Amino acid sequence: SKRFSEKEQKSVSEIAVIASGKDLYCVNKNSGLNDLCLGEQREGLARMGAPYDVFSACDADEIDISRYKLVIFLDSFEPDEKMRGFVEKLKENGKTIL
């Protein structure tokens, strides 16, 4: 494992998953929506064998979107101005947004 840990490795994912966390304050905590949004969506991707990278919405402006074909927003119920700008950038670059 030491030999492998010293080798440079990079992600081959073409799916970016963006999670906000703070937007879940907009929904009733007893609704179970947080499990559906944050857990079961990623489980579905894993079952398909689709490699994906998870990012915080706080870091949206630092994400290199060039290699991602699909961007999934797990819980963006109330996007702020920064997130809206990020979505516009995705649109301009012809990315698929879910």
C-alpha atoms as a PDB file:
ATOM      1  CA  SER A   1       0.000   0.000   0.000  1.00  0.00           C
ATOM      2  CA  LYS A   2       2.932   2.338   0.583  1.00  0.00           C
ATOM      3  CA  ARG A   3       4.024   1.962  -3.063  1.00  0.00           C
ATOM      4  CA  PHE A   4       0.544   2.788  -4.313  1.00  0.00           C
ATOM      5  CA  SER A   5       0.101   5.730  -1.969  1.00  0.00           C
ATOM      6  CA  GLU A   6       3.226   7.380  -3.354  1.00  0.00           C
ATOM      7  CA  LYS A   7       2.027   7.238  -6.959  1.00  0.00           C
ATOM      8  CA  GLU A   8       0.222  10.247  -8.333  1.00  0.00           C
ATOM      9  CA  GLN A   9      -3.448   9.464  -8.821  1.00  0.00           C
ATOM     10  CA  LYS A  10      -6.195  11.539 -10.320  1.00  0.00           C
ATOM     11  CA  SER A  11      -9.909  11.156 -10.595  1.00  0.00           C
ATOM     12  CA  VAL A  12     -11.409   9.919 -13.860  1.00  0.00           C
ATOM     13  CA  SER A  13     -14.912  11.014 -12.906  1.00  0.00           C
ATOM     14  CA  GLU A  14     -17.060  12.797 -15.450  1.00  0.00           C
ATOM     15  CA  ILE A  15     -19.815  13.485 -12.923  1.00  0.00           C
ATOM     16  CA  ALA A  16     -19.606  16.263 -10.359  1.00  0.00           C
ATOM     17  CA  VAL A  17     -21.957  16.102  -7.377  1.00  0.00           C
ATOM     18  CA  ILE A  18     -22.558  19.377  -5.556  1.00  0.00           C
ATOM     19  CA  ALA A  19     -23.958  19.341  -2.016  1.00  0.00           C
ATOM     20  CA  SER A  20     -24.949  22.446  -0.117  1.00  0.00           C
ATOM     21  CA  GLY A  21     -26.113  21.258   3.278  1.00  0.00           C
ATOM     22  CA  LYS A  22     -27.367  24.676   4.319  1.00  0.00           C
ATOM     23  CA  ASP A  23     -30.288  24.476   1.884  1.00  0.00           C
ATOM     24  CA  LEU A  24     -31.698  21.584   3.890  1.00  0.00           C
ATOM     25  CA  TYR A  25     -32.662  24.161   6.515  1.00  0.00           C
ATOM     26  CA  CYS A  26     -35.448  25.090   4.056  1.00  0.00           C
ATOM     27  CA  VAL A  27     -37.243  21.764   4.556  1.00  0.00           C
ATOM     28  CA  ASN A  28     -38.813  20.038   7.528  1.00  0.00           C
ATOM     29  CA  LYS A  29     -36.156  17.917   9.233  1.00  0.00           C
ATOM     30  CA  ASN A  30     -38.704  15.152   9.837  1.00  0.00           C
ATOM     31  CA  SER A  31     -39.590  14.814   6.155  1.00  0.00           C
ATOM     32  CA  GLY A  32     -36.705  12.481   5.377  1.00  0.00           C
ATOM     33  CA  LEU A  33     -35.793  14.616   2.390  1.00  0.00           C
ATOM     34  CA  ASN A  34     -32.217  14.939   3.609  1.00  0.00           C
ATOM     35  CA  ASP A  35     -31.730  11.168   3.315  1.00  0.00           C
ATOM     36  CA  LEU A  36     -33.263  11.141  -0.146  1.00  0.00           C
ATOM     37  CA  CYS A  37     -31.175  14.066  -1.376  1.00  0.00           C
ATOM     38  CA  LEU A  38     -27.828  13.372   0.179  1.00  0.00           C
ATOM     39  CA  GLY A  39     -27.733   9.611   0.618  1.00  0.00           C
ATOM     40  CA  GLU A  40     -29.875   7.772  -1.861  1.00  0.00           C
ATOM     41  CA  GLN A  41     -28.784   9.808  -4.881  1.00  0.00           C
ATOM     42  CA  ARG A  42     -25.146   8.924  -4.323  1.00  0.00           C
ATOM     43  CA  GLU A  43     -26.084   5.315  -3.642  1.00  0.00           C
ATOM     44  CA  GLY A  44     -27.753   5.161  -7.052  1.00  0.00           C
ATOM     45  CA  LEU A  45     -24.619   6.440  -8.751  1.00  0.00           C
ATOM     46  CA  ALA A  46     -22.515   3.913  -6.886  1.00  0.00           C
ATOM     47  CA  ARG A  47     -24.818   1.042  -7.880  1.00  0.00           C
ATOM     48  CA  MET A  48     -24.461   2.060 -11.529  1.00  0.00           C
ATOM     49  CA  GLY A  49     -20.705   2.108 -11.146  1.00  0.00           C
ATOM     50  CA  ALA A  50     -20.633   5.746 -12.212  1.00  0.00           C
ATOM     51  CA  PRO A  51     -17.504   7.409 -10.841  1.00  0.00           C
ATOM     52  CA  TYR A  52     -18.248  10.816  -9.368  1.00  0.00           C
ATOM     53  CA  ASP A  53     -16.562  13.542  -7.360  1.00  0.00           C
ATOM     54  CA  VAL A  54     -18.365  15.293  -4.501  1.00  0.00           C
ATOM     55  CA  PHE A  55     -17.908  19.010  -3.912  1.00  0.00           C
ATOM     56  CA  SER A  56     -19.258  21.505  -1.426  1.00  0.00           C
ATOM     57  CA  ALA A  57     -21.390  24.281  -2.882  1.00  0.00           C
ATOM     58  CA  CYS A  58     -19.112  26.686  -1.002  1.00  0.00           C
ATOM     59  CA  ASP A  59     -16.280  25.725  -3.363  1.00  0.00           C
ATOM     60  CA  ALA A  60     -18.282  26.017  -6.596  1.00  0.00           C
ATOM     61  CA  ASP A  61     -16.182  28.838  -8.005  1.00  0.00           C
ATOM     62  CA  GLU A  62     -12.986  26.784  -7.534  1.00  0.00           C
ATOM     63  CA  ILE A  63     -14.167  23.628  -9.353  1.00  0.00           C
ATOM     64  CA  ASP A  64     -12.474  22.907 -12.683  1.00  0.00           C
ATOM     65  CA  ILE A  65     -15.551  21.927 -14.677  1.00  0.00           C
ATOM     66  CA  SER A  66     -13.685  21.104 -17.883  1.00  0.00           C
ATOM     67  CA  ARG A  67     -13.759  17.314 -17.485  1.00  0.00           C
ATOM     68  CA  TYR A  68     -17.273  16.956 -16.089  1.00  0.00           C
ATOM     69  CA  LYS A  69     -20.124  16.127 -18.461  1.00  0.00           C
ATOM     70  CA  LEU A  70     -22.857  15.978 -15.820  1.00  0.00           C
ATOM     71  CA  VAL A  71     -23.261  18.148 -12.723  1.00  0.00           C
ATOM     72  CA  ILE A  72     -25.770  16.994 -10.104  1.00  0.00           C
ATOM     73  CA  PHE A  73     -27.035  19.372  -7.428  1.00  0.00           C
ATOM     74  CA  LEU A  74     -28.241  17.283  -4.498  1.00  0.00           C
ATOM     75  CA  ASP A  75     -29.952  19.870  -2.348  1.00  0.00           C
ATOM     76  CA  SER A  76     -29.901  23.297  -3.975  1.00  0.00           C
ATOM     77  CA  PHE A  77     -33.329  24.522  -2.958  1.00  0.00           C
ATOM     78  CA  GLU A  78     -32.410  28.164  -2.516  1.00  0.00           C
ATOM     79  CA  PRO A  79     -29.291  28.960  -4.577  1.00  0.00           C
ATOM     80  CA  ASP A  80     -27.478  32.173  -3.743  1.00  0.00           C
ATOM     81  CA  GLU A  81     -25.990  34.565  -6.302  1.00  0.00           C
ATOM     82  CA  LYS A  82     -22.671  32.693  -6.347  1.00  0.00           C
ATOM     83  CA  MET A  83     -24.421  29.405  -7.144  1.00  0.00           C
ATOM     84  CA  ARG A  84     -26.548  31.014  -9.843  1.00  0.00           C
ATOM     85  CA  GLY A  85     -23.362  32.313 -11.459  1.00  0.00           C
ATOM     86  CA  PHE A  86     -21.878  28.817 -11.313  1.00  0.00           C
ATOM     87  CA  VAL A  87     -24.969  27.373 -13.018  1.00  0.00           C
ATOM     88  CA  GLU A  88     -24.712  30.010 -15.757  1.00  0.00           C
ATOM     89  CA  LYS A  89     -21.067  29.033 -16.287  1.00  0.00           C
ATOM     90  CA  LEU A  90     -22.142  25.395 -16.623  1.00  0.00           C
ATOM     91  CA  LYS A  91     -24.779  26.338 -19.195  1.00  0.00           C
ATOM     92  CA  GLU A  92     -22.300  28.408 -21.199  1.00  0.00           C
ATOM     93  CA  ASN A  93     -19.970  25.389 -21.315  1.00  0.00           C
ATOM     94  CA  GLY A  94     -22.716  23.026 -22.498  1.00  0.00           C
ATOM     95  CA  LYS A  95     -22.793  20.872 -19.344  1.00  0.00           C
ATOM     96  CA  THR A  96     -25.746  18.671 -18.436  1.00  0.00           C
ATOM     97  CA  ILE A  97     -27.268  19.836 -15.153  1.00  0.00           C
ATOM     98  CA  LEU A  98     -29.501  17.852 -12.830  1.00  0.00           C
END
